[in-house]
Amino acid sequence: MIEALLNGQRRTVMHLETLATRVDQLTGEMVKFSRNQIQLRSDVGDIRGEIGELRADVDRRFEAIDRRFDAILARLDESDAAADKNADDIRKMRIELTSQYNDILNALQSGHQAKLDIDEINARLDELERRAGLK
């Protein structure tokens, strides 16, 4: 009976040694897991930092692009205003040119009418001189 008790205790000790070995293995694995988890958290923190830097860089670039687009739009507005002003100036010049053209036509017509009047007066004068016998 004592022998059976001793055999039982030996088996218990062997099981305890096996259990202790497994606990040591599990402890080692837990330490590895803990180190990996710490490294993973560190890597995640680094990634978050890099994402934050990337986001800030993208925001800066978008702001720069927005400023450039605003400058381009301002230049386009200036060009549009200049084109409108030039179109108005061209319309005014066309109106003035048409007015001057009409004035020239009126002057030519008046000149032609004056020539016709002179020719008629000369013809009458010649007729009067002929009648008066001066010619």
Foldseek 3Di string as FASTA:
>chain_A
DVVVVVVVVVVVVVVVVVVVVVVVVVVVVVVVVVVVVVVVVVVVVVVVVVVVVVVVVVVVVVVVVVVVVVVVVVVVVVVVVVVVVVVVVVVVVVVVVVVVVVVVVVVVVVVVVVVVVVVVVVVVVVVVCVVVVVD
